[in-house]
């Protein structure tokens, strides 16, 4: 896990037991991915409670939020409901993510969780920034997430500044492909 790398497209069961791929959940939008110890951890629960209000902003900003924990599906659903979250929580009870990324929290052999991380993803699951949250204050604040998402959104939305003469003229000419969500995906703008 390093900035610029592509985060794996894990397919895990969500809080309703439906299989979901990260690429499907992200679509063409920036995404905040929370790798969580699980609902048993008071730090993780507090972090999730703080994300509840931010999630309302993410929805109107065309950004996504996903939490993955090592909880089983029942625990995952309780964790999500208990903090009042409305975004997808994925269960990694088999610890695929933990093992693939080598982030087992070896200081907790009882729960065998993963070391908490928050990963900011550009469209296409490109890693923009990584926060290690073993200690609570290693996790990003809501304001840091806003700043990160501002930078990612500015980078991936060609219509970030619609005051430019080029965009104004494009709109007047009916060139809606220049504007999100009418236009090309981020990957298409990169020529992929």
N, C-alpha and C. Protein backbone atom coordinates (compact mmCIF):
# COMPACT_ATOMS: atom_id res chain seq x y z
N UNK A 1 0.84 -1.18 0.00
CA UNK A 1 0.00 0.00 0.00
C UNK A 1 0.89 1.24 0.00
N UNK A 2 0.92 1.89 -1.13
CA UNK A 2 1.66 3.14 -1.26
C UNK A 2 0.86 4.08 -2.16
N UNK A 3 0.99 5.39 -1.95
CA UNK A 3 0.31 6.32 -2.84
C UNK A 3 0.69 6.07 -4.30
N UNK A 4 -0.31 6.12 -5.17
CA UNK A 4 -0.11 5.88 -6.59
C UNK A 4 -0.41 4.46 -7.02
N UNK A 5 -0.40 3.53 -6.07
CA UNK A 5 -0.70 2.13 -6.39
C UNK A 5 -2.21 1.94 -6.52
N UNK A 6 -2.60 0.88 -7.18
CA UNK A 6 -4.01 0.54 -7.31
C UNK A 6 -4.38 -0.37 -6.13
N UNK A 7 -5.40 0.03 -5.37
CA UNK A 7 -5.86 -0.79 -4.26
C UNK A 7 -6.60 -2.00 -4.83
N UNK A 8 -6.39 -3.20 -4.26
CA UNK A 8 -7.05 -4.39 -4.79
C UNK A 8 -8.57 -4.28 -4.80
N UNK A 9 -9.16 -4.92 -5.77
CA UNK A 9 -10.62 -4.88 -5.94
C UNK A 9 -11.26 -6.04 -5.17
N UNK A 10 -11.22 -5.94 -3.85
CA UNK A 10 -11.76 -7.01 -3.02
C UNK A 10 -13.26 -7.15 -3.23
N UNK A 11 -13.73 -8.37 -3.15
CA UNK A 11 -15.15 -8.67 -3.18
C UNK A 11 -15.49 -9.34 -1.85
N UNK A 12 -16.30 -8.67 -1.05
CA UNK A 12 -16.64 -9.13 0.28
C UNK A 12 -18.14 -9.00 0.49
N UNK A 13 -18.65 -9.64 1.53
CA UNK A 13 -20.07 -9.54 1.86
C UNK A 13 -20.32 -8.27 2.65
N UNK A 14 -21.40 -7.58 2.28
CA UNK A 14 -21.75 -6.37 3.03
C UNK A 14 -22.59 -6.74 4.25
N UNK A 15 -23.07 -5.73 4.94
CA UNK A 15 -23.83 -5.91 6.17
C UNK A 15 -25.14 -6.66 5.95
N UNK A 16 -25.58 -6.80 4.69
CA UNK A 16 -26.80 -7.56 4.38
C UNK A 16 -26.48 -8.94 3.80
N UNK A 17 -25.20 -9.30 3.77
CA UNK A 17 -24.69 -10.57 3.24
C UNK A 17 -24.61 -10.59 1.70
N UNK A 18 -24.82 -9.44 1.06
CA UNK A 18 -24.68 -9.35 -0.39
C UNK A 18 -23.20 -9.17 -0.73
N UNK A 19 -22.71 -9.91 -1.73
CA UNK A 19 -21.33 -9.78 -2.18
C UNK A 19 -21.16 -8.47 -2.94
N UNK A 20 -20.13 -7.70 -2.59
CA UNK A 20 -19.91 -6.39 -3.21
C UNK A 20 -18.43 -6.24 -3.54
N UNK A 21 -18.13 -5.72 -4.72
CA UNK A 21 -16.76 -5.40 -5.11
C UNK A 21 -16.49 -3.93 -4.84
N UNK A 22 -15.27 -3.62 -4.44
CA UNK A 22 -14.93 -2.22 -4.17
C UNK A 22 -15.12 -1.36 -5.42
N UNK A 23 -14.77 -1.89 -6.59
CA UNK A 23 -14.92 -1.10 -7.82
C UNK A 23 -16.38 -0.74 -8.07
N UNK A 24 -17.28 -1.66 -7.75
CA UNK A 24 -18.73 -1.40 -7.91
C UNK A 24 -19.18 -0.33 -6.93
N UNK A 25 -18.70 -0.41 -5.71
CA UNK A 25 -19.09 0.56 -4.69
C UNK A 25 -18.51 1.95 -4.99
N UNK A 26 -17.32 1.99 -5.57
CA UNK A 26 -16.69 3.27 -5.87
C UNK A 26 -17.25 3.92 -7.12
N UNK A 27 -17.55 3.13 -8.13
CA UNK A 27 -17.97 3.72 -9.40
C UNK A 27 -16.87 4.61 -9.94
N UNK A 28 -17.21 5.80 -10.40
CA UNK A 28 -16.20 6.73 -10.94
C UNK A 28 -15.89 7.87 -9.97
N UNK A 29 -16.17 7.64 -8.69
CA UNK A 29 -16.02 8.70 -7.70
C UNK A 29 -14.83 8.46 -6.77
N UNK A 30 -14.34 9.53 -6.12
CA UNK A 30 -13.35 9.36 -5.05
C UNK A 30 -13.99 8.57 -3.90
N UNK A 31 -13.15 7.90 -3.12
CA UNK A 31 -13.69 7.08 -2.04
C UNK A 31 -12.78 7.13 -0.82
N UNK A 32 -13.41 7.16 0.35
CA UNK A 32 -12.73 7.00 1.62
C UNK A 32 -12.96 5.55 2.04
N UNK A 33 -11.87 4.81 2.20
CA UNK A 33 -11.94 3.41 2.60
C UNK A 33 -11.39 3.29 4.01
N UNK A 34 -12.22 2.81 4.93
CA UNK A 34 -11.82 2.65 6.32
C UNK A 34 -11.59 1.17 6.58
N UNK A 35 -10.36 0.81 6.95
CA UNK A 35 -10.05 -0.56 7.36
C UNK A 35 -10.10 -0.55 8.88
N UNK A 36 -11.05 -1.28 9.42
CA UNK A 36 -11.42 -1.15 10.83
C UNK A 36 -11.11 -2.42 11.62
N UNK A 37 -10.80 -2.23 12.90
CA UNK A 37 -10.67 -3.37 13.80
C UNK A 37 -12.01 -4.08 13.92
N UNK A 38 -13.06 -3.30 14.07
CA UNK A 38 -14.40 -3.87 14.22
C UNK A 38 -15.18 -3.18 15.30
N UNK A 39 -16.43 -3.60 15.44
CA UNK A 39 -17.35 -2.97 16.36
C UNK A 39 -16.97 -3.10 17.83
N UNK A 40 -16.10 -4.03 18.16
CA UNK A 40 -15.68 -4.20 19.56
C UNK A 40 -14.77 -3.06 20.02
N UNK A 41 -14.15 -2.36 19.09
CA UNK A 41 -13.13 -1.36 19.42
C UNK A 41 -13.76 0.01 19.65
N UNK A 42 -13.64 0.58 20.84
CA UNK A 42 -14.24 1.90 21.10
C UNK A 42 -13.64 3.00 20.21
N UNK A 43 -12.37 2.87 19.82
CA UNK A 43 -11.77 3.88 18.94
C UNK A 43 -12.41 3.83 17.56
N UNK A 44 -12.64 2.62 17.06
CA UNK A 44 -13.25 2.48 15.74
C UNK A 44 -14.70 2.97 15.76
N UNK A 45 -15.40 2.66 16.83
CA UNK A 45 -16.78 3.13 16.94
C UNK A 45 -16.83 4.66 16.98
N UNK A 46 -15.91 5.27 17.72
CA UNK A 46 -15.89 6.75 17.79
C UNK A 46 -15.55 7.34 16.43
N UNK A 47 -14.60 6.73 15.73
CA UNK A 47 -14.26 7.21 14.40
C UNK A 47 -15.48 7.12 13.48
N UNK A 48 -16.19 6.00 13.51
CA UNK A 48 -17.37 5.82 12.66
C UNK A 48 -18.45 6.84 13.01
N UNK A 49 -18.62 7.12 14.30
CA UNK A 49 -19.61 8.13 14.69
C UNK A 49 -19.25 9.49 14.09
N UNK A 50 -17.97 9.83 14.05
CA UNK A 50 -17.53 11.08 13.45
C UNK A 50 -17.75 11.12 11.95
N UNK A 51 -17.72 9.94 11.32
CA UNK A 51 -17.91 9.87 9.87
C UNK A 51 -19.37 9.97 9.46
N UNK A 52 -20.28 9.76 10.42
CA UNK A 52 -21.71 9.81 10.10
C UNK A 52 -22.09 11.16 9.50
N UNK A 53 -21.67 12.25 10.13
CA UNK A 53 -22.00 13.58 9.61
C UNK A 53 -21.28 13.85 8.30
N UNK A 54 -20.01 13.43 8.21
CA UNK A 54 -19.27 13.64 6.97
C UNK A 54 -19.92 12.89 5.81
N UNK A 55 -20.48 11.73 6.08
CA UNK A 55 -21.10 10.95 5.02
C UNK A 55 -22.20 11.74 4.30
N UNK A 56 -22.92 12.55 5.04
CA UNK A 56 -23.96 13.37 4.41
C UNK A 56 -23.33 14.33 3.40
N UNK A 57 -22.14 14.85 3.69
CA UNK A 57 -21.43 15.71 2.76
C UNK A 57 -20.91 14.91 1.57
N UNK A 58 -20.40 13.72 1.84
CA UNK A 58 -19.85 12.88 0.77
C UNK A 58 -20.91 12.55 -0.27
N UNK A 59 -22.12 12.31 0.19
CA UNK A 59 -23.21 11.97 -0.74
C UNK A 59 -23.48 13.10 -1.72
N UNK A 60 -23.50 14.33 -1.26
CA UNK A 60 -23.78 15.45 -2.16
C UNK A 60 -22.55 15.88 -2.94
N UNK A 61 -21.37 15.39 -2.55
CA UNK A 61 -20.12 15.73 -3.22
C UNK A 61 -19.69 14.64 -4.20
N UNK A 62 -20.54 13.65 -4.44
CA UNK A 62 -20.22 12.53 -5.34
C UNK A 62 -18.94 11.82 -4.90
N UNK A 63 -18.87 11.50 -3.62
CA UNK A 63 -17.77 10.73 -3.06
C UNK A 63 -18.36 9.54 -2.32
N UNK A 64 -17.59 8.50 -2.17
CA UNK A 64 -18.07 7.27 -1.53
C UNK A 64 -17.31 7.03 -0.23
N UNK A 65 -17.94 6.23 0.63
CA UNK A 65 -17.36 5.82 1.91
C UNK A 65 -17.68 4.35 2.10
N UNK A 66 -16.67 3.57 2.45
CA UNK A 66 -16.83 2.14 2.70
C UNK A 66 -15.98 1.77 3.90
N UNK A 67 -16.52 0.92 4.77
CA UNK A 67 -15.78 0.39 5.91
C UNK A 67 -15.63 -1.11 5.73
N UNK A 68 -14.43 -1.62 5.97
CA UNK A 68 -14.17 -3.06 5.99
C UNK A 68 -13.64 -3.40 7.37
N UNK A 69 -14.23 -4.43 7.99
CA UNK A 69 -13.73 -4.89 9.28
C UNK A 69 -13.59 -6.41 9.25
N UNK A 70 -12.93 -6.94 10.26
CA UNK A 70 -12.79 -8.39 10.39
C UNK A 70 -13.96 -9.01 11.15
N UNK A 71 -14.99 -8.23 11.40
CA UNK A 71 -16.21 -8.76 12.05
C UNK A 71 -16.93 -9.71 11.10
N UNK A 72 -17.70 -10.64 11.70
CA UNK A 72 -18.57 -11.47 10.86
C UNK A 72 -19.78 -10.62 10.44
N UNK A 73 -20.66 -11.19 9.63
CA UNK A 73 -21.77 -10.38 9.08
C UNK A 73 -22.70 -9.87 10.18
N UNK A 74 -23.01 -10.68 11.15
CA UNK A 74 -23.89 -10.23 12.24
C UNK A 74 -23.25 -9.08 13.00
N UNK A 75 -21.97 -9.23 13.33
CA UNK A 75 -21.25 -8.17 14.05
C UNK A 75 -21.14 -6.91 13.19
N UNK A 76 -20.91 -7.10 11.89
CA UNK A 76 -20.80 -5.98 10.96
C UNK A 76 -22.10 -5.18 10.93
N UNK A 77 -23.22 -5.87 10.86
CA UNK A 77 -24.52 -5.21 10.84
C UNK A 77 -24.77 -4.47 12.15
N UNK A 78 -24.43 -5.09 13.27
CA UNK A 78 -24.60 -4.44 14.58
C UNK A 78 -23.71 -3.20 14.70
N UNK A 79 -22.49 -3.32 14.22
CA UNK A 79 -21.54 -2.20 14.25
C UNK A 79 -22.11 -1.03 13.44
N UNK A 80 -22.54 -1.30 12.23
CA UNK A 80 -23.08 -0.26 11.34
C UNK A 80 -24.32 0.39 11.96
N UNK A 81 -25.25 -0.42 12.41
CA UNK A 81 -26.48 0.10 13.01
C UNK A 81 -26.19 0.85 14.31
N UNK A 82 -25.27 0.32 15.10
CA UNK A 82 -24.96 0.91 16.40
C UNK A 82 -24.39 2.32 16.32
N UNK A 83 -23.69 2.64 15.24
CA UNK A 83 -23.14 3.98 15.10
C UNK A 83 -24.01 4.88 14.25
N UNK A 84 -25.10 4.32 13.70
CA UNK A 84 -26.01 5.11 12.88
C UNK A 84 -25.49 5.38 11.48
N UNK A 85 -24.68 4.48 10.96
CA UNK A 85 -24.08 4.66 9.63
C UNK A 85 -25.05 4.25 8.53
N UNK A 86 -24.89 4.88 7.36
CA UNK A 86 -25.73 4.56 6.20
C UNK A 86 -24.90 4.23 4.97
N UNK A 87 -23.63 3.92 5.15
CA UNK A 87 -22.78 3.54 4.04
C UNK A 87 -22.46 2.05 4.17
N UNK A 88 -21.92 1.44 3.12
CA UNK A 88 -21.65 -0.01 3.17
C UNK A 88 -20.54 -0.37 4.15
N UNK A 89 -20.82 -1.37 4.94
CA UNK A 89 -19.84 -2.00 5.81
C UNK A 89 -19.63 -3.40 5.25
N UNK A 90 -18.37 -3.76 5.00
CA UNK A 90 -18.04 -5.07 4.45
C UNK A 90 -17.38 -5.93 5.52
N UNK A 91 -17.72 -7.21 5.49
CA UNK A 91 -17.18 -8.18 6.44
C UNK A 91 -16.02 -8.94 5.82
N UNK A 92 -14.90 -8.93 6.50
CA UNK A 92 -13.72 -9.70 6.08
C UNK A 92 -13.36 -10.69 7.18
N UNK A 93 -14.35 -11.50 7.58
CA UNK A 93 -14.14 -12.45 8.66
C UNK A 93 -13.04 -13.46 8.34
N UNK A 94 -12.80 -13.73 7.06
CA UNK A 94 -11.72 -14.65 6.66
C UNK A 94 -10.36 -13.96 6.66
N UNK A 95 -10.36 -12.67 6.89
CA UNK A 95 -9.14 -11.86 7.00
C UNK A 95 -8.30 -11.85 5.72
N UNK A 96 -8.98 -11.83 4.61
CA UNK A 96 -8.30 -11.76 3.31
C UNK A 96 -7.54 -10.45 3.17
N UNK A 97 -8.20 -9.33 3.46
CA UNK A 97 -7.56 -8.02 3.35
C UNK A 97 -6.39 -7.93 4.33
N UNK A 98 -6.64 -8.34 5.55
CA UNK A 98 -5.61 -8.31 6.59
C UNK A 98 -4.36 -9.07 6.15
N UNK A 99 -4.55 -10.26 5.60
CA UNK A 99 -3.41 -11.09 5.19
C UNK A 99 -2.76 -10.56 3.92
N UNK A 100 -3.56 -10.19 2.92
CA UNK A 100 -3.00 -9.68 1.66
C UNK A 100 -2.15 -8.44 1.88
N UNK A 101 -2.62 -7.54 2.75
CA UNK A 101 -1.92 -6.27 2.97
C UNK A 101 -0.91 -6.35 4.12
N UNK A 102 -0.85 -7.52 4.78
CA UNK A 102 0.07 -7.74 5.91
C UNK A 102 -0.14 -6.68 6.99
N UNK A 103 -1.41 -6.53 7.41
CA UNK A 103 -1.73 -5.53 8.43
C UNK A 103 -2.42 -6.17 9.64
N UNK A 104 -2.02 -7.40 9.97
CA UNK A 104 -2.55 -8.03 11.18
C UNK A 104 -2.06 -7.25 12.39
N UNK A 105 -2.97 -6.97 13.30
CA UNK A 105 -2.58 -6.28 14.53
C UNK A 105 -2.08 -7.31 15.53
N UNK A 106 -0.80 -7.59 15.47
CA UNK A 106 -0.20 -8.66 16.27
C UNK A 106 -0.24 -8.38 17.76
N UNK A 107 -0.56 -7.15 18.18
CA UNK A 107 -0.66 -6.83 19.61
C UNK A 107 -2.00 -7.24 20.20
N UNK A 108 -2.92 -7.74 19.37
CA UNK A 108 -4.24 -8.19 19.85
C UNK A 108 -4.52 -9.59 19.32
N UNK A 109 -3.90 -10.62 19.93
CA UNK A 109 -4.13 -11.98 19.45
C UNK A 109 -5.53 -12.51 19.79
N UNK A 110 -6.23 -11.87 20.71
CA UNK A 110 -7.58 -12.33 21.08
C UNK A 110 -8.57 -12.07 19.95
N UNK A 111 -8.62 -10.83 19.45
CA UNK A 111 -9.58 -10.47 18.39
C UNK A 111 -9.03 -10.65 16.98
N UNK A 112 -7.70 -10.70 16.85
CA UNK A 112 -7.04 -10.84 15.56
C UNK A 112 -7.56 -9.85 14.52
N UNK A 113 -7.61 -8.55 14.87
CA UNK A 113 -8.09 -7.56 13.90
C UNK A 113 -6.97 -7.12 12.96
N UNK A 114 -7.34 -6.26 12.01
CA UNK A 114 -6.31 -5.62 11.19
C UNK A 114 -5.96 -4.28 11.81
N UNK A 115 -4.76 -3.81 11.53
CA UNK A 115 -4.36 -2.49 11.98
C UNK A 115 -5.24 -1.49 11.24
N UNK A 116 -5.93 -0.62 11.96
CA UNK A 116 -6.83 0.33 11.29
C UNK A 116 -6.08 1.28 10.36
N UNK A 117 -6.67 1.50 9.21
CA UNK A 117 -6.15 2.45 8.23
C UNK A 117 -7.33 3.20 7.62
N UNK A 118 -7.07 4.40 7.16
CA UNK A 118 -8.02 5.13 6.32
C UNK A 118 -7.25 5.43 5.03
N UNK A 119 -7.85 5.04 3.92
CA UNK A 119 -7.20 5.19 2.63
C UNK A 119 -8.09 6.04 1.74
N UNK A 120 -7.52 7.09 1.20
CA UNK A 120 -8.23 7.96 0.27
C UNK A 120 -7.92 7.44 -1.14
N UNK A 121 -8.99 7.12 -1.87
CA UNK A 121 -8.82 6.56 -3.21
C UNK A 121 -9.33 7.51 -4.27
N UNK A 122 -8.51 7.73 -5.27
CA UNK A 122 -8.95 8.44 -6.46
C UNK A 122 -9.80 7.45 -7.27
N UNK A 123 -10.55 7.92 -8.26
CA UNK A 123 -11.27 6.98 -9.11
C UNK A 123 -10.31 5.93 -9.68
N UNK A 124 -10.83 4.72 -9.84
CA UNK A 124 -10.00 3.61 -10.30
C UNK A 124 -9.23 2.95 -9.17
N UNK A 125 -9.58 3.27 -7.91
CA UNK A 125 -8.94 2.72 -6.72
C UNK A 125 -7.46 3.07 -6.61
N UNK A 126 -7.08 4.22 -7.19
CA UNK A 126 -5.70 4.70 -7.08
C UNK A 126 -5.52 5.31 -5.69
N UNK A 127 -4.53 4.84 -4.96
CA UNK A 127 -4.30 5.33 -3.60
C UNK A 127 -3.74 6.75 -3.65
N UNK A 128 -4.45 7.67 -3.02
CA UNK A 128 -4.01 9.06 -2.92
C UNK A 128 -3.24 9.27 -1.61
N UNK A 129 -3.82 8.79 -0.51
CA UNK A 129 -3.20 8.99 0.80
C UNK A 129 -3.60 7.86 1.73
N UNK A 130 -2.69 7.55 2.67
CA UNK A 130 -2.92 6.48 3.64
C UNK A 130 -2.67 7.03 5.04
N UNK A 131 -3.61 6.76 5.93
CA UNK A 131 -3.45 7.10 7.35
C UNK A 131 -3.42 5.80 8.15
N UNK A 132 -2.43 5.65 9.02
CA UNK A 132 -2.38 4.49 9.91
C UNK A 132 -3.03 4.87 11.22
N UNK A 133 -4.01 4.07 11.65
CA UNK A 133 -4.79 4.44 12.82
C UNK A 133 -4.62 3.56 14.03
N UNK A 134 -3.45 2.93 14.17
CA UNK A 134 -3.22 2.12 15.37
C UNK A 134 -3.48 2.97 16.60
N UNK A 135 -2.93 4.19 16.60
CA UNK A 135 -3.26 5.16 17.63
C UNK A 135 -4.36 6.05 17.08
N UNK A 136 -5.31 6.40 17.90
CA UNK A 136 -6.49 7.14 17.44
C UNK A 136 -6.11 8.43 16.71
N UNK A 137 -5.13 9.17 17.22
CA UNK A 137 -4.79 10.43 16.58
C UNK A 137 -3.92 10.25 15.33
N UNK A 138 -3.66 9.01 14.94
CA UNK A 138 -3.06 8.75 13.64
C UNK A 138 -4.11 8.74 12.54
N UNK A 139 -5.37 8.71 12.94
CA UNK A 139 -6.47 8.70 11.98
C UNK A 139 -6.78 10.13 11.54
N UNK A 140 -7.28 10.28 10.32
CA UNK A 140 -7.56 11.64 9.84
C UNK A 140 -8.77 12.24 10.53
N UNK A 141 -8.70 13.53 10.73
CA UNK A 141 -9.87 14.26 11.22
C UNK A 141 -10.84 14.43 10.05
N UNK A 142 -12.05 14.81 10.36
CA UNK A 142 -13.03 15.09 9.32
C UNK A 142 -12.51 16.21 8.41
N UNK A 143 -11.87 17.20 8.98
CA UNK A 143 -11.34 18.30 8.17
C UNK A 143 -10.21 17.83 7.26
N UNK A 144 -9.35 16.95 7.74
CA UNK A 144 -8.29 16.40 6.87
C UNK A 144 -8.91 15.62 5.71
N UNK A 145 -9.96 14.87 5.99
CA UNK A 145 -10.63 14.14 4.91
C UNK A 145 -11.23 15.10 3.89
N UNK A 146 -11.82 16.18 4.37
CA UNK A 146 -12.36 17.20 3.45
C UNK A 146 -11.25 17.75 2.55
N UNK A 147 -10.12 18.05 3.14
CA UNK A 147 -9.00 18.61 2.36
C UNK A 147 -8.48 17.59 1.34
N UNK A 148 -8.35 16.34 1.76
CA UNK A 148 -7.90 15.29 0.84
C UNK A 148 -8.89 15.12 -0.30
N UNK A 149 -10.17 15.09 0.03
CA UNK A 149 -11.19 14.91 -1.01
C UNK A 149 -11.28 16.13 -1.92
N UNK A 150 -11.01 17.31 -1.38
CA UNK A 150 -10.96 18.50 -2.23
C UNK A 150 -9.85 18.34 -3.27
N UNK A 151 -8.68 17.91 -2.83
CA UNK A 151 -7.55 17.74 -3.76
C UNK A 151 -7.85 16.65 -4.80
N UNK A 152 -8.41 15.53 -4.37
CA UNK A 152 -8.72 14.45 -5.30
C UNK A 152 -9.81 14.87 -6.27
N UNK A 153 -10.86 15.52 -5.77
CA UNK A 153 -11.96 15.94 -6.63
C UNK A 153 -11.48 16.97 -7.65
N UNK A 154 -10.65 17.90 -7.20
CA UNK A 154 -10.11 18.91 -8.11
C UNK A 154 -9.29 18.23 -9.22
N UNK A 155 -8.59 17.17 -8.85
CA UNK A 155 -7.75 16.45 -9.80
C UNK A 155 -8.57 15.63 -10.80
N UNK A 156 -9.68 15.06 -10.35
CA UNK A 156 -10.40 14.12 -11.21
C UNK A 156 -11.64 14.69 -11.88
N UNK A 157 -12.03 15.89 -11.56
CA UNK A 157 -13.20 16.49 -12.19
C UNK A 157 -12.76 17.60 -13.14
N UNK A 158 -12.82 17.35 -14.44
CA UNK A 158 -12.40 18.37 -15.40
C UNK A 158 -13.21 19.66 -15.31
N UNK A 159 -14.41 19.57 -14.73
CA UNK A 159 -15.25 20.76 -14.61
C UNK A 159 -15.16 21.39 -13.21
N UNK A 160 -14.02 21.20 -12.53
CA UNK A 160 -13.86 21.71 -11.17
C UNK A 160 -14.13 23.21 -11.11
N UNK A 161 -13.59 23.95 -12.06
CA UNK A 161 -13.78 25.40 -12.07
C UNK A 161 -14.61 25.77 -13.30
N UNK A 162 -15.92 25.84 -13.11
CA UNK A 162 -16.79 26.11 -14.27
C UNK A 162 -16.81 27.57 -14.67
N UNK A 163 -15.98 28.39 -14.01
CA UNK A 163 -15.91 29.80 -14.41
C UNK A 163 -14.95 30.02 -15.57
N UNK A 164 -14.23 28.98 -16.00
CA UNK A 164 -13.29 29.18 -17.11
C UNK A 164 -14.07 29.45 -18.40
N UNK A 165 -13.53 30.27 -19.25
CA UNK A 165 -14.21 30.57 -20.51
C UNK A 165 -14.44 29.31 -21.37
N UNK A 166 -13.49 28.38 -21.31
CA UNK A 166 -13.60 27.16 -22.10
C UNK A 166 -14.82 26.33 -21.68
N UNK A 167 -15.00 26.18 -20.38
CA UNK A 167 -16.14 25.40 -19.91
C UNK A 167 -17.45 26.13 -20.16
N UNK A 168 -17.47 27.41 -19.95
CA UNK A 168 -18.69 28.18 -20.21
C UNK A 168 -19.09 28.04 -21.69
N UNK A 169 -18.11 28.17 -22.57
CA UNK A 169 -18.38 28.03 -24.01
C UNK A 169 -18.83 26.61 -24.33
N UNK A 170 -18.18 25.63 -23.70
CA UNK A 170 -18.57 24.23 -23.92
C UNK A 170 -20.01 23.97 -23.53
N UNK A 171 -20.42 24.53 -22.42
CA UNK A 171 -21.82 24.35 -21.97
C UNK A 171 -22.79 25.01 -22.96
N UNK A 172 -22.45 26.21 -23.37
CA UNK A 172 -23.31 26.94 -24.31
C UNK A 172 -23.40 26.22 -25.66
N UNK A 173 -22.36 25.47 -26.01
CA UNK A 173 -22.35 24.70 -27.25
C UNK A 173 -23.03 23.34 -27.09
N UNK A 174 -23.50 23.05 -25.88
CA UNK A 174 -24.17 21.77 -25.62
C UNK A 174 -23.21 20.62 -25.41
N UNK A 175 -21.96 20.90 -25.08
CA UNK A 175 -20.95 19.86 -24.89
C UNK A 175 -20.97 19.35 -23.45
N UNK A 176 -22.05 18.68 -23.12
CA UNK A 176 -22.23 18.19 -21.75
C UNK A 176 -21.20 17.15 -21.34
N UNK A 177 -20.53 16.54 -22.32
CA UNK A 177 -19.52 15.54 -21.99
C UNK A 177 -18.36 16.15 -21.18
N UNK A 178 -18.26 17.47 -21.16
CA UNK A 178 -17.22 18.14 -20.39
C UNK A 178 -17.57 18.23 -18.90
N UNK A 179 -18.80 17.88 -18.55
CA UNK A 179 -19.29 18.10 -17.19
C UNK A 179 -19.69 16.79 -16.53
N UNK A 180 -19.34 16.67 -15.25
CA UNK A 180 -19.73 15.50 -14.46
C UNK A 180 -21.20 15.66 -14.07
N UNK A 181 -22.02 14.67 -14.12
CA UNK A 181 -21.75 13.27 -14.45
C UNK A 181 -22.02 12.92 -15.92
N UNK A 182 -22.21 13.93 -16.75
CA UNK A 182 -22.55 13.68 -18.15
C UNK A 182 -21.38 13.10 -18.93
N UNK A 183 -20.18 13.52 -18.57
CA UNK A 183 -19.03 13.25 -19.42
C UNK A 183 -18.30 11.96 -19.14
N UNK A 184 -17.07 11.98 -19.52
CA UNK A 184 -16.21 10.82 -19.43
C UNK A 184 -15.89 10.51 -17.97
N UNK A 185 -15.54 9.25 -17.74
CA UNK A 185 -15.07 8.86 -16.42
C UNK A 185 -13.64 9.35 -16.27
N UNK A 186 -13.16 9.33 -15.06
CA UNK A 186 -11.79 9.75 -14.77
C UNK A 186 -10.80 8.91 -15.55
N UNK A 187 -11.01 7.60 -15.62
CA UNK A 187 -10.12 6.71 -16.36
C UNK A 187 -10.08 7.10 -17.83
N UNK A 188 -11.22 7.49 -18.39
CA UNK A 188 -11.26 7.89 -19.78
C UNK A 188 -10.50 9.18 -20.01
N UNK A 189 -10.53 10.09 -19.03
CA UNK A 189 -9.80 11.34 -19.20
C UNK A 189 -8.30 11.10 -19.15
N UNK A 190 -7.88 10.00 -18.52
CA UNK A 190 -6.45 9.66 -18.47
C UNK A 190 -6.03 8.87 -19.70
N UNK A 191 -6.99 8.53 -20.57
CA UNK A 191 -6.65 7.79 -21.78
C UNK A 191 -6.56 6.29 -21.58
N UNK A 192 -7.13 5.77 -20.51
CA UNK A 192 -7.07 4.32 -20.26
C UNK A 192 -8.17 3.62 -21.00
